Amino acid sequence: MKADSAPESKRIAVIGAGSWGTALAIVAARNAHQVKLWAREPELAREINRARKNTFYLSEFDLSENIRATTALEDALDGAHFALLVVPSHAMREIVGCLRANLRSDVVLVSAAKGVEISTLMRMEEVITDVLRESFSPRYVALSGPSFAREVAKGDPTAIVAASRNREWSEMVQHSLGSSLFRVYTNTDVPGVELGGAVKNVVAIAAGVVRGLGLGTNAVAAIITRGLAEMTRLALAQGARAETLAGLAGLGDLVLTCTGELSRNRHVGVELGRGRKLEDILGEMREVAEGVKTTRSIYELGRRVGIEMPITASIYELLYQDKPALEAANELMGRPLKRE
């Protein structure tokens, strides 16, 4: 895969060596950047540097010599032009707190997390600003959109969004990571991009539930459509723009996550629909299904701002109040008839 035009070589830190972090490291290395990939596990870092493979995640892909793994955050950040924060949303506050001592104020922070913090109901932009406010105001970009890590690593065509309140920062990410097959579009609507990425995971669990119960694609289409309306209501109440939710970071990501076989959140829903227990499903999964924790935070956020979110409410009761999957599905599909 070749970039549209060769970007200036940069030093890029990728914080998180899961599937998506590894895929983004591969993307950056293809564009001739020098990448330091931070991993928690020493054995994983050693294996990446020795075998040029991430044997925990995306093990079928060879990793470029441009990628070097490390377990030291200060090493990962050394000389970095920007840092991709590819950690679960519930871990973002801890990780940024650990980064703070070695973080220069001119480094652009790019969050690839899709969720809302449970304890504060903050978006990732708000979490990072909260952690760093006494040191400096962070240069922030939210990276989101329809993108399965395996397909990105393979080089399949993908389009995502880099959103920032400062166009210069989002364009840096666009030019550094973008190519003919990895299209990066810029946007200034950070709340819309972040809330689209968070809510779609909740709706994907709902879409999985109806499939797990044996219902057809008509039902899935209804869930997607009403889920988009739910997502948009919440985002608009938080200052987002409706067109953002109709784009890649909203509808695009929603459709992918609700229908794609690689979706972890959809998988959780399917297994719940088949009657399995949540703890058993999660116990078999190596990576986090963000929608499980995000359902709680989105449910609470909707209540705080007074937005009706029936899909989120049904999935919340399924996950946290032991509501049977069939009853939850009946609620999802049996809402009172009214104007669309």
C-alpha atoms as a PDB file:
ATOM      1  CA  MET A   1       0.000   0.000   0.000  1.00  0.00           C
ATOM      2  CA  LYS A   2       1.416   3.371  -1.022  1.00  0.00           C
ATOM      3  CA  ALA A   3       0.488   6.735   0.361  1.00  0.00           C
ATOM      4  CA  ASP A   4      -1.018   9.333  -2.004  1.00  0.00           C
ATOM      5  CA  SER A   5       2.118  11.400  -1.527  1.00  0.00           C
ATOM      6  CA  ALA A   6       4.998  10.469   0.720  1.00  0.00           C
ATOM      7  CA  PRO A   7       4.381  12.132   4.103  1.00  0.00           C
ATOM      8  CA  GLU A   8       7.244  13.603   6.065  1.00  0.00           C
ATOM      9  CA  SER A   9       8.671  10.884   8.275  1.00  0.00           C
ATOM     10  CA  LYS A  10       7.650  11.331  11.908  1.00  0.00           C
ATOM     11  CA  ARG A  11       8.166   9.603  15.206  1.00  0.00           C
ATOM     12  CA  ILE A  12       4.860   8.196  16.370  1.00  0.00           C
ATOM     13  CA  ALA A  13       4.043   6.626  19.732  1.00  0.00           C
ATOM     14  CA  VAL A  14       1.281   4.033  19.785  1.00  0.00           C
ATOM     15  CA  ILE A  15       0.140   3.449  23.357  1.00  0.00           C
ATOM     16  CA  GLY A  16      -1.568   0.062  23.418  1.00  0.00           C
ATOM     17  CA  ALA A  17      -0.546  -3.091  21.563  1.00  0.00           C
ATOM     18  CA  GLY A  18      -3.950  -4.717  21.129  1.00  0.00           C
ATOM     19  CA  SER A  19      -5.479  -5.354  17.712  1.00  0.00           C
ATOM     20  CA  TRP A  20      -6.312  -1.738  16.910  1.00  0.00           C
ATOM     21  CA  GLY A  21      -3.034  -0.372  18.264  1.00  0.00           C
ATOM     22  CA  THR A  22      -1.124  -2.936  16.224  1.00  0.00           C
ATOM     23  CA  ALA A  23      -3.145  -2.130  13.098  1.00  0.00           C
ATOM     24  CA  LEU A  24      -2.480   1.599  13.492  1.00  0.00           C
ATOM     25  CA  ALA A  25       1.213   0.903  14.029  1.00  0.00           C
ATOM     26  CA  ILE A  26       1.193  -1.044  10.751  1.00  0.00           C
ATOM     27  CA  VAL A  27      -0.522   1.875   8.990  1.00  0.00           C
ATOM     28  CA  ALA A  28       2.037   4.364  10.319  1.00  0.00           C
ATOM     29  CA  ALA A  29       4.971   2.132   9.405  1.00  0.00           C
ATOM     30  CA  ARG A  30       3.645   1.712   5.860  1.00  0.00           C
ATOM     31  CA  ASN A  31       3.907   5.487   5.557  1.00  0.00           C
ATOM     32  CA  ALA A  32       7.595   5.261   6.547  1.00  0.00           C
ATOM     33  CA  HIS A  33       7.181   6.648  10.068  1.00  0.00           C
ATOM     34  CA  GLN A  34       9.244   5.427  13.001  1.00  0.00           C
ATOM     35  CA  VAL A  35       6.824   3.790  15.437  1.00  0.00           C
ATOM     36  CA  LYS A  36       7.281   2.899  19.083  1.00  0.00           C
ATOM     37  CA  LEU A  37       4.529   0.538  20.195  1.00  0.00           C
ATOM     38  CA  TRP A  38       3.933   0.451  23.944  1.00  0.00           C
ATOM     39  CA  ALA A  39       2.792  -2.854  25.460  1.00  0.00           C
ATOM     40  CA  ARG A  40       2.010  -3.642  29.091  1.00  0.00           C
ATOM     41  CA  GLU A  41       3.339  -7.197  28.830  1.00  0.00           C
ATOM     42  CA  PRO A  42       7.160  -7.540  28.668  1.00  0.00           C
ATOM     43  CA  GLU A  43       6.887 -10.897  26.910  1.00  0.00           C
ATOM     44  CA  LEU A  44       4.764  -9.342  24.170  1.00  0.00           C
ATOM     45  CA  ALA A  45       7.227  -6.494  23.612  1.00  0.00           C
ATOM     46  CA  ARG A  46      10.125  -8.956  23.435  1.00  0.00           C
ATOM     47  CA  GLU A  47       8.284 -11.145  20.956  1.00  0.00           C
ATOM     48  CA  ILE A  48       7.414  -8.223  18.685  1.00  0.00           C
ATOM     49  CA  ASN A  49      11.036  -7.088  18.594  1.00  0.00           C
ATOM     50  CA  ARG A  50      12.358 -10.623  18.113  1.00  0.00           C
ATOM     51  CA  ALA A  51       9.889 -12.240  15.724  1.00  0.00           C
ATOM     52  CA  ARG A  52       8.390  -9.114  14.106  1.00  0.00           C
ATOM     53  CA  LYS A  53       4.912 -10.368  14.997  1.00  0.00           C
ATOM     54  CA  ASN A  54       2.355  -9.548  17.667  1.00  0.00           C
ATOM     55  CA  THR A  55       1.659 -13.103  18.755  1.00  0.00           C
ATOM     56  CA  PHE A  56      -1.190 -11.991  21.037  1.00  0.00           C
ATOM     57  CA  TYR A  57      -3.151 -10.000  18.433  1.00  0.00           C
ATOM     58  CA  LEU A  58      -3.181 -10.037  14.623  1.00  0.00           C
ATOM     59  CA  SER A  59      -0.497 -12.699  14.710  1.00  0.00           C
ATOM     60  CA  GLU A  60      -0.793 -13.416  10.978  1.00  0.00           C
ATOM     61  CA  PHE A  61       0.747 -10.058  10.023  1.00  0.00           C
ATOM     62  CA  ASP A  62       4.458  -9.333   9.805  1.00  0.00           C
ATOM     63  CA  LEU A  63       5.531  -6.105  11.502  1.00  0.00           C
ATOM     64  CA  SER A  64       7.888  -3.700   9.776  1.00  0.00           C
ATOM     65  CA  GLU A  65      11.345  -2.946  11.110  1.00  0.00           C
ATOM     66  CA  ASN A  66       9.985   0.600  11.540  1.00  0.00           C
ATOM     67  CA  ILE A  67       8.001  -0.687  14.533  1.00  0.00           C
ATOM     68  CA  ARG A  68       9.789  -1.204  17.830  1.00  0.00           C
ATOM     69  CA  ALA A  69       7.970  -2.361  20.934  1.00  0.00           C
ATOM     70  CA  THR A  70       8.665  -1.052  24.430  1.00  0.00           C
ATOM     71  CA  THR A  71       7.201  -1.382  27.918  1.00  0.00           C
ATOM     72  CA  ALA A  72       8.468   2.049  29.021  1.00  0.00           C
ATOM     73  CA  LEU A  73       6.102   4.949  28.416  1.00  0.00           C
ATOM     74  CA  GLU A  74       8.954   7.451  28.518  1.00  0.00           C
ATOM     75  CA  ASP A  75      10.714   5.497  25.769  1.00  0.00           C
ATOM     76  CA  ALA A  76       7.571   5.386  23.644  1.00  0.00           C
ATOM     77  CA  LEU A  77       7.111   9.161  23.948  1.00  0.00           C
ATOM     78  CA  ASP A  78      10.749  10.089  23.360  1.00  0.00           C
ATOM     79  CA  GLY A  79      10.803  12.478  20.408  1.00  0.00           C
ATOM     80  CA  ALA A  80       7.223  11.636  19.373  1.00  0.00           C
ATOM     81  CA  HIS A  81       5.371  14.128  17.161  1.00  0.00           C
ATOM     82  CA  PHE A  82       2.073  12.607  18.194  1.00  0.00           C
ATOM     83  CA  ALA A  83       0.836   9.785  20.378  1.00  0.00           C
ATOM     84  CA  LEU A  84      -1.979   7.443  19.456  1.00  0.00           C
ATOM     85  CA  LEU A  85      -3.799   6.432  22.657  1.00  0.00           C
ATOM     86  CA  VAL A  86      -5.246   3.035  21.818  1.00  0.00           C
ATOM     87  CA  VAL A  87      -6.487   1.837  25.190  1.00  0.00           C
ATOM     88  CA  PRO A  88      -9.996   1.033  26.490  1.00  0.00           C
ATOM     89  CA  SER A  89     -11.940   4.101  27.558  1.00  0.00           C
ATOM     90  CA  HIS A  90     -12.077   2.931  31.183  1.00  0.00           C
ATOM     91  CA  ALA A  91      -8.242   2.884  31.260  1.00  0.00           C
ATOM     92  CA  MET A  92      -7.683   6.282  29.603  1.00  0.00           C
ATOM     93  CA  ARG A  93      -7.459   8.332  32.812  1.00  0.00           C
ATOM     94  CA  GLU A  94      -4.873   5.955  34.319  1.00  0.00           C
ATOM     95  CA  ILE A  95      -2.744   5.829  31.180  1.00  0.00           C
ATOM     96  CA  VAL A  96      -2.717   9.583  30.592  1.00  0.00           C
ATOM     97  CA  GLY A  97      -1.852  10.080  34.240  1.00  0.00           C
ATOM     98  CA  CYS A  98       1.156   7.804  33.739  1.00  0.00           C
ATOM     99  CA  LEU A  99       2.126   9.646  30.550  1.00  0.00           C
ATOM    100  CA  ARG A 100       1.927  13.106  32.102  1.00  0.00           C
ATOM    101  CA  ALA A 101       5.447  13.294  33.529  1.00  0.00           C
ATOM    102  CA  ASN A 102       7.032  12.551  30.135  1.00  0.00           C
ATOM    103  CA  LEU A 103       4.587  14.382  27.906  1.00  0.00           C
ATOM    104  CA  ARG A 104       5.641  17.532  26.078  1.00  0.00           C
ATOM    105  CA  SER A 105       2.961  20.166  25.596  1.00  0.00           C
ATOM    106  CA  ASP A 106       3.500  20.204  21.814  1.00  0.00           C
ATOM    107  CA  VAL A 107       2.730  16.496  21.341  1.00  0.00           C
ATOM    108  CA  VAL A 108      -0.624  15.891  19.656  1.00  0.00           C
ATOM    109  CA  LEU A 109      -2.674  13.312  21.572  1.00  0.00           C
ATOM    110  CA  VAL A 110      -4.881  11.135  19.367  1.00  0.00           C
ATOM    111  CA  SER A 111      -7.525   9.096  21.161  1.00  0.00           C
ATOM    112  CA  ALA A 112      -8.741   5.952  19.420  1.00  0.00           C
ATOM    113  CA  ALA A 113     -10.911   4.899  22.385  1.00  0.00           C
ATOM    114  CA  LYS A 114     -14.671   4.602  21.915  1.00  0.00           C
ATOM    115  CA  GLY A 115     -16.466   5.096  25.181  1.00  0.00           C
ATOM    116  CA  VAL A 116     -17.545   7.399  28.001  1.00  0.00           C
ATOM    117  CA  GLU A 117     -15.939   7.246  31.453  1.00  0.00           C
ATOM    118  CA  ILE A 118     -18.311   5.581  33.904  1.00  0.00           C
ATOM    119  CA  SER A 119     -17.449   7.493  37.076  1.00  0.00           C
ATOM    120  CA  THR A 120     -17.623  10.992  35.540  1.00  0.00           C
ATOM    121  CA  LEU A 121     -19.629  10.506  32.306  1.00  0.00           C
ATOM    122  CA  MET A 122     -16.849  12.395  30.514  1.00  0.00           C
ATOM    123  CA  ARG A 123     -15.904  11.874  26.897  1.00  0.00           C
ATOM    124  CA  MET A 124     -12.249  11.039  26.220  1.00  0.00           C
ATOM    125  CA  GLU A 125     -11.467  14.643  25.258  1.00  0.00           C
ATOM    126  CA  GLU A 126     -12.814  15.741  28.632  1.00  0.00           C
ATOM    127  CA  VAL A 127     -10.964  12.998  30.529  1.00  0.00           C
ATOM    128  CA  ILE A 128      -7.615  13.874  28.963  1.00  0.00           C
ATOM    129  CA  THR A 129      -8.131  17.600  29.501  1.00  0.00           C
ATOM    130  CA  ASP A 130      -9.083  16.921  33.118  1.00  0.00           C
ATOM    131  CA  VAL A 131      -5.916  14.901  33.755  1.00  0.00           C
ATOM    132  CA  LEU A 132      -3.566  17.387  32.088  1.00  0.00           C
ATOM    133  CA  ARG A 133      -5.208  20.719  32.934  1.00  0.00           C
ATOM    134  CA  GLU A 134      -2.714  21.590  35.674  1.00  0.00           C
ATOM    135  CA  SER A 135       0.204  20.927  33.329  1.00  0.00           C
ATOM    136  CA  PHE A 136      -1.039  22.268  29.976  1.00  0.00           C
ATOM    137  CA  SER A 137      -4.004  22.290  27.615  1.00  0.00           C
ATOM    138  CA  PRO A 138      -3.650  19.182  25.430  1.00  0.00           C
ATOM    139  CA  ARG A 139      -3.534  19.218  21.647  1.00  0.00           C
ATOM    140  CA  TYR A 140      -6.308  16.717  21.050  1.00  0.00           C
ATOM    141  CA  VAL A 141      -7.647  14.665  18.142  1.00  0.00           C
ATOM    142  CA  ALA A 142     -10.369  11.989  18.259  1.00  0.00           C
ATOM    143  CA  LEU A 143      -9.894   9.154  15.754  1.00  0.00           C
ATOM    144  CA  SER A 144     -13.021   7.149  14.974  1.00  0.00           C
ATOM    145  CA  GLY A 145     -15.044   5.558  12.214  1.00  0.00           C
ATOM    146  CA  PRO A 146     -15.845   2.160  10.676  1.00  0.00           C
ATOM    147  CA  SER A 147     -12.609   0.204  10.945  1.00  0.00           C
ATOM    148  CA  PHE A 148     -12.043  -3.414  11.898  1.00  0.00           C
ATOM    149  CA  ALA A 149      -8.398  -3.807  12.884  1.00  0.00           C
ATOM    150  CA  ARG A 150      -7.806  -6.979  10.887  1.00  0.00           C
ATOM    151  CA  GLU A 151      -9.037  -5.398   7.652  1.00  0.00           C
ATOM    152  CA  VAL A 152      -6.921  -2.286   8.243  1.00  0.00           C
ATOM    153  CA  ALA A 153      -3.823  -4.420   8.883  1.00  0.00           C
ATOM    154  CA  LYS A 154      -4.543  -6.378   5.706  1.00  0.00           C
ATOM    155  CA  GLY A 155      -4.741  -3.175   3.706  1.00  0.00           C
ATOM    156  CA  ASP A 156      -8.430  -3.308   2.819  1.00  0.00           C
ATOM    157  CA  PRO A 157      -9.912   0.093   1.884  1.00  0.00           C
ATOM    158  CA  THR A 158     -11.013   1.992   5.005  1.00  0.00           C
ATOM    159  CA  ALA A 159     -12.279   5.496   5.720  1.00  0.00           C
ATOM    160  CA  ILE A 160     -12.181   7.089   9.173  1.00  0.00           C
ATOM    161  CA  VAL A 161     -12.413  10.535  10.794  1.00  0.00           C
ATOM    162  CA  ALA A 162      -9.846  12.620  12.684  1.00  0.00           C
ATOM    163  CA  ALA A 163     -11.724  15.257  14.679  1.00  0.00           C
ATOM    164  CA  SER A 164     -10.170  18.218  16.452  1.00  0.00           C
ATOM    165  CA  ARG A 165     -11.150  21.727  17.466  1.00  0.00           C
ATOM    166  CA  ASN A 166      -7.890  22.801  15.796  1.00  0.00           C
ATOM    167  CA  ARG A 167      -7.699  21.949  12.098  1.00  0.00           C
ATOM    168  CA  GLU A 168      -3.892  21.914  12.106  1.00  0.00           C
ATOM    169  CA  TRP A 169      -3.815  18.975  14.518  1.00  0.00           C
ATOM    170  CA  SER A 170      -6.375  16.867  12.663  1.00  0.00           C
ATOM    171  CA  GLU A 171      -4.627  17.580   9.365  1.00  0.00           C
ATOM    172  CA  MET A 172      -1.322  16.382  10.862  1.00  0.00           C
ATOM    173  CA  VAL A 173      -2.975  13.048  11.616  1.00  0.00           C
ATOM    174  CA  GLN A 174      -4.657  13.009   8.197  1.00  0.00           C
ATOM    175  CA  HIS A 175      -1.403  13.590   6.321  1.00  0.00           C
ATOM    176  CA  SER A 176       0.640  11.254   8.502  1.00  0.00           C
ATOM    177  CA  LEU A 177      -1.663   8.227   8.489  1.00  0.00           C
ATOM    178  CA  GLY A 178      -3.675   8.731   5.323  1.00  0.00           C
ATOM    179  CA  SER A 179      -3.119   6.848   2.081  1.00  0.00           C
ATOM    180  CA  SER A 180      -5.052   5.716  -0.968  1.00  0.00           C
ATOM    181  CA  LEU A 181      -6.451   2.789   1.027  1.00  0.00           C
ATOM    182  CA  PHE A 182      -6.636   4.368   4.490  1.00  0.00           C
ATOM    183  CA  ARG A 183      -8.637   7.533   3.978  1.00  0.00           C
ATOM    184  CA  VAL A 184      -8.633   9.987   6.882  1.00  0.00           C
ATOM    185  CA  TYR A 185     -11.237  12.750   6.789  1.00  0.00           C
ATOM    186  CA  THR A 186     -11.042  15.744   9.123  1.00  0.00           C
ATOM    187  CA  ASN A 187     -13.847  17.143  11.249  1.00  0.00           C
ATOM    188  CA  THR A 188     -14.180  19.798  13.959  1.00  0.00           C
ATOM    189  CA  ASP A 189     -17.104  18.157  15.798  1.00  0.00           C
ATOM    190  CA  VAL A 190     -15.299  16.295  18.567  1.00  0.00           C
ATOM    191  CA  PRO A 191     -18.421  15.599  20.704  1.00  0.00           C
ATOM    192  CA  GLY A 192     -20.292  14.163  17.712  1.00  0.00           C
ATOM    193  CA  VAL A 193     -17.414  11.918  16.661  1.00  0.00           C
ATOM    194  CA  GLU A 194     -16.790  10.671  20.205  1.00  0.00           C
ATOM    195  CA  LEU A 195     -20.422  10.039  21.108  1.00  0.00           C
ATOM    196  CA  GLY A 196     -21.063   8.319  17.785  1.00  0.00           C
ATOM    197  CA  GLY A 197     -18.186   5.946  18.504  1.00  0.00           C
ATOM    198  CA  ALA A 198     -19.462   5.253  22.014  1.00  0.00           C
ATOM    199  CA  VAL A 199     -23.195   4.771  21.412  1.00  0.00           C
ATOM    200  CA  LYS A 200     -22.747   2.550  18.362  1.00  0.00           C
ATOM    201  CA  ASN A 201     -21.221  -0.149  20.583  1.00  0.00           C
ATOM    202  CA  VAL A 202     -24.358  -0.230  22.736  1.00  0.00           C
ATOM    203  CA  VAL A 203     -26.599  -0.481  19.680  1.00  0.00           C
ATOM    204  CA  ALA A 204     -24.370  -3.252  18.294  1.00  0.00           C
ATOM    205  CA  ILE A 205     -25.068  -5.360  21.371  1.00  0.00           C
ATOM    206  CA  ALA A 206     -28.788  -4.862  20.706  1.00  0.00           C
ATOM    207  CA  ALA A 207     -28.355  -5.861  17.059  1.00  0.00           C
ATOM    208  CA  GLY A 208     -26.487  -8.964  18.181  1.00  0.00           C
ATOM    209  CA  VAL A 209     -29.224  -9.899  20.650  1.00  0.00           C
ATOM    210  CA  VAL A 210     -31.931  -9.956  17.983  1.00  0.00           C
ATOM    211  CA  ARG A 211     -29.703 -12.077  15.724  1.00  0.00           C
ATOM    212  CA  GLY A 212     -28.865 -14.430  18.570  1.00  0.00           C
ATOM    213  CA  LEU A 213     -32.582 -14.919  19.159  1.00  0.00           C
ATOM    214  CA  GLY A 214     -32.978 -15.944  15.536  1.00  0.00           C
ATOM    215  CA  LEU A 215     -34.667 -12.782  14.300  1.00  0.00           C
ATOM    216  CA  GLY A 216     -33.917 -11.619  10.787  1.00  0.00           C
ATOM    217  CA  THR A 217     -32.178  -8.744   9.083  1.00  0.00           C
ATOM    218  CA  ASN A 218     -35.396  -6.705   9.074  1.00  0.00           C
ATOM    219  CA  ALA A 219     -35.100  -6.511  12.857  1.00  0.00           C
ATOM    220  CA  VAL A 220     -31.415  -5.573  12.645  1.00  0.00           C
ATOM    221  CA  ALA A 221     -32.229  -2.773  10.177  1.00  0.00           C
ATOM    222  CA  ALA A 222     -34.845  -1.439  12.586  1.00  0.00           C
ATOM    223  CA  ILE A 223     -32.344  -1.493  15.464  1.00  0.00           C
ATOM    224  CA  ILE A 224     -29.731   0.345  13.382  1.00  0.00           C
ATOM    225  CA  THR A 225     -32.204   2.997  12.260  1.00  0.00           C
ATOM    226  CA  ARG A 226     -33.658   3.659  15.690  1.00  0.00           C
ATOM    227  CA  GLY A 227     -30.200   3.419  17.217  1.00  0.00           C
ATOM    228  CA  LEU A 228     -29.028   6.190  14.922  1.00  0.00           C
ATOM    229  CA  ALA A 229     -31.919   8.358  16.092  1.00  0.00           C
ATOM    230  CA  GLU A 230     -31.034   7.622  19.721  1.00  0.00           C
ATOM    231  CA  MET A 231     -27.360   8.374  19.134  1.00  0.00           C
ATOM    232  CA  THR A 232     -28.202  11.629  17.382  1.00  0.00           C
ATOM    233  CA  ARG A 233     -30.523  12.851  20.144  1.00  0.00           C
ATOM    234  CA  LEU A 234     -27.848  12.353  22.766  1.00  0.00           C
ATOM    235  CA  ALA A 235     -25.084  13.897  20.688  1.00  0.00           C
ATOM    236  CA  LEU A 236     -27.128  16.974  19.798  1.00  0.00           C
ATOM    237  CA  ALA A 237     -27.868  17.500  23.482  1.00  0.00           C
ATOM    238  CA  GLN A 238     -24.090  17.590  24.007  1.00  0.00           C
ATOM    239  CA  GLY A 239     -23.480  20.210  21.334  1.00  0.00           C
ATOM    240  CA  ALA A 240     -22.748  17.937  18.356  1.00  0.00           C
ATOM    241  CA  ARG A 241     -23.877  18.468  14.769  1.00  0.00           C
ATOM    242  CA  ALA A 242     -26.453  16.184  13.144  1.00  0.00           C
ATOM    243  CA  GLU A 243     -24.391  15.773   9.962  1.00  0.00           C
ATOM    244  CA  THR A 244     -21.555  14.218  11.972  1.00  0.00           C
ATOM    245  CA  LEU A 245     -23.861  11.425  13.121  1.00  0.00           C
ATOM    246  CA  ALA A 246     -24.961  10.838   9.519  1.00  0.00           C
ATOM    247  CA  GLY A 247     -21.317  10.369   8.496  1.00  0.00           C
ATOM    248  CA  LEU A 248     -18.477   7.910   9.010  1.00  0.00           C
ATOM    249  CA  ALA A 249     -18.180   8.308  12.784  1.00  0.00           C
ATOM    250  CA  GLY A 250     -21.927   7.871  13.282  1.00  0.00           C
ATOM    251  CA  LEU A 251     -23.914   5.903  10.739  1.00  0.00           C
ATOM    252  CA  GLY A 252     -20.842   4.375   9.109  1.00  0.00           C
ATOM    253  CA  ASP A 253     -19.435   2.932  12.295  1.00  0.00           C
ATOM    254  CA  LEU A 254     -22.919   1.936  13.472  1.00  0.00           C
ATOM    255  CA  VAL A 255     -23.650  -0.139  10.371  1.00  0.00           C
ATOM    256  CA  LEU A 256     -20.253  -1.857  10.487  1.00  0.00           C
ATOM    257  CA  THR A 257     -20.447  -2.734  14.174  1.00  0.00           C
ATOM    258  CA  CYS A 258     -24.054  -3.934  14.020  1.00  0.00           C
ATOM    259  CA  THR A 259     -23.550  -6.180  10.984  1.00  0.00           C
ATOM    260  CA  GLY A 260     -19.879  -7.174  10.793  1.00  0.00           C
ATOM    261  CA  GLU A 261     -18.791 -10.636  11.889  1.00  0.00           C
ATOM    262  CA  LEU A 262     -15.611  -9.172  13.422  1.00  0.00           C
ATOM    263  CA  SER A 263     -17.552  -6.942  15.851  1.00  0.00           C
ATOM    264  CA  ARG A 264     -16.849  -7.881  19.467  1.00  0.00           C
ATOM    265  CA  ASN A 265     -19.894  -5.989  20.727  1.00  0.00           C
ATOM    266  CA  ARG A 266     -22.203  -7.680  18.242  1.00  0.00           C
ATOM    267  CA  HIS A 267     -20.686 -11.019  19.301  1.00  0.00           C
ATOM    268  CA  VAL A 268     -21.554 -10.327  22.947  1.00  0.00           C
ATOM    269  CA  GLY A 269     -25.136  -9.576  21.923  1.00  0.00           C
ATOM    270  CA  VAL A 270     -25.438 -12.690  19.775  1.00  0.00           C
ATOM    271  CA  GLU A 271     -24.254 -14.904  22.624  1.00  0.00           C
ATOM    272  CA  LEU A 272     -26.593 -13.206  25.087  1.00  0.00           C
ATOM    273  CA  GLY A 273     -29.447 -13.777  22.651  1.00  0.00           C
ATOM    274  CA  ARG A 274     -28.537 -17.461  22.604  1.00  0.00           C
ATOM    275  CA  GLY A 275     -28.995 -17.577  26.365  1.00  0.00           C
ATOM    276  CA  ARG A 276     -25.411 -17.478  27.600  1.00  0.00           C
ATOM    277  CA  LYS A 277     -24.290 -15.603  30.714  1.00  0.00           C
ATOM    278  CA  LEU A 278     -22.374 -12.353  30.282  1.00  0.00           C
ATOM    279  CA  GLU A 279     -19.489 -13.400  32.524  1.00  0.00           C
ATOM    280  CA  ASP A 280     -18.985 -16.587  30.495  1.00  0.00           C
ATOM    281  CA  ILE A 281     -18.955 -14.676  27.224  1.00  0.00           C
ATOM    282  CA  LEU A 282     -16.470 -12.077  28.452  1.00  0.00           C
ATOM    283  CA  GLY A 283     -14.308 -14.766  30.024  1.00  0.00           C
ATOM    284  CA  GLU A 284     -13.629 -16.227  26.590  1.00  0.00           C
ATOM    285  CA  MET A 285     -12.666 -12.915  24.992  1.00  0.00           C
ATOM    286  CA  ARG A 286      -9.073 -11.710  24.883  1.00  0.00           C
ATOM    287  CA  GLU A 287     -10.009  -8.122  24.029  1.00  0.00           C
ATOM    288  CA  VAL A 288     -12.485  -5.685  25.542  1.00  0.00           C
ATOM    289  CA  ALA A 289     -16.009  -5.283  24.192  1.00  0.00           C
ATOM    290  CA  GLU A 290     -16.298  -1.568  24.959  1.00  0.00           C
ATOM    291  CA  GLY A 291     -20.092  -1.600  24.719  1.00  0.00           C
ATOM    292  CA  VAL A 292     -20.512  -3.567  27.952  1.00  0.00           C
ATOM    293  CA  LYS A 293     -19.075  -0.842  30.193  1.00  0.00           C
ATOM    294  CA  THR A 294     -20.210   1.941  27.866  1.00  0.00           C
ATOM    295  CA  THR A 295     -23.848   0.852  28.166  1.00  0.00           C
ATOM    296  CA  ARG A 296     -23.795   1.898  31.820  1.00  0.00           C
ATOM    297  CA  SER A 297     -22.195   5.283  31.148  1.00  0.00           C
ATOM    298  CA  ILE A 298     -24.415   6.088  28.151  1.00  0.00           C
ATOM    299  CA  TYR A 299     -27.502   5.068  30.122  1.00  0.00           C
ATOM    300  CA  GLU A 300     -26.514   7.396  32.971  1.00  0.00           C
ATOM    301  CA  LEU A 301     -25.563  10.207  30.585  1.00  0.00           C
ATOM    302  CA  GLY A 302     -28.928   9.955  28.839  1.00  0.00           C
ATOM    303  CA  ARG A 303     -30.701  10.184  32.183  1.00  0.00           C
ATOM    304  CA  ARG A 304     -28.589  13.167  33.225  1.00  0.00           C
ATOM    305  CA  VAL A 305     -29.481  15.192  30.133  1.00  0.00           C
ATOM    306  CA  GLY A 306     -33.089  13.949  29.954  1.00  0.00           C
ATOM    307  CA  ILE A 307     -32.850  12.155  26.602  1.00  0.00           C
ATOM    308  CA  GLU A 308     -35.081   9.174  25.833  1.00  0.00           C
ATOM    309  CA  MET A 309     -32.850   6.205  24.949  1.00  0.00           C
ATOM    310  CA  PRO A 310     -35.000   3.051  24.846  1.00  0.00           C
ATOM    311  CA  ILE A 311     -32.415   0.801  23.163  1.00  0.00           C
ATOM    312  CA  THR A 312     -29.755   1.763  25.689  1.00  0.00           C
ATOM    313  CA  ALA A 313     -32.236   1.258  28.550  1.00  0.00           C
ATOM    314  CA  SER A 314     -33.150  -2.250  27.370  1.00  0.00           C
ATOM    315  CA  ILE A 315     -29.514  -3.288  26.962  1.00  0.00           C
ATOM    316  CA  TYR A 316     -28.653  -1.786  30.362  1.00  0.00           C
ATOM    317  CA  GLU A 317     -31.370  -3.896  31.990  1.00  0.00           C
ATOM    318  CA  LEU A 318     -30.177  -6.980  30.082  1.00  0.00           C
ATOM    319  CA  LEU A 319     -26.543  -6.513  31.151  1.00  0.00           C
ATOM    320  CA  TYR A 320     -26.974  -5.183  34.680  1.00  0.00           C
ATOM    321  CA  GLN A 321     -30.440  -6.140  35.898  1.00  0.00           C
ATOM    322  CA  ASP A 322     -30.693  -9.717  34.569  1.00  0.00           C
ATOM    323  CA  LYS A 323     -33.507  -8.980  32.161  1.00  0.00           C
ATOM    324  CA  PRO A 324     -34.014 -12.002  29.850  1.00  0.00           C
ATOM    325  CA  ALA A 325     -32.777 -11.465  26.301  1.00  0.00           C
ATOM    326  CA  LEU A 326     -36.171 -12.301  24.793  1.00  0.00           C
ATOM    327  CA  GLU A 327     -37.884  -9.745  27.006  1.00  0.00           C
ATOM    328  CA  ALA A 328     -35.303  -7.121  26.080  1.00  0.00           C
ATOM    329  CA  ALA A 329     -35.774  -7.891  22.383  1.00  0.00           C
ATOM    330  CA  ASN A 330     -39.547  -7.673  22.706  1.00  0.00           C
ATOM    331  CA  GLU A 331     -39.103  -4.238  24.255  1.00  0.00           C
ATOM    332  CA  LEU A 332     -36.748  -3.196  21.480  1.00  0.00           C
ATOM    333  CA  MET A 333     -39.148  -4.258  18.734  1.00  0.00           C
ATOM    334  CA  GLY A 334     -42.424  -3.548  20.536  1.00  0.00           C
ATOM    335  CA  ARG A 335     -42.209   0.164  21.254  1.00  0.00           C
ATOM    336  CA  PRO A 336     -45.513   2.087  21.035  1.00  0.00           C
ATOM    337  CA  LEU A 337     -46.367   3.174  17.505  1.00  0.00           C
ATOM    338  CA  LYS A 338     -45.980   6.901  16.843  1.00  0.00           C
ATOM    339  CA  ARG A 339     -44.680   9.274  14.207  1.00  0.00           C
ATOM    340  CA  GLU A 340     -41.166   8.411  13.071  1.00  0.00           C
END
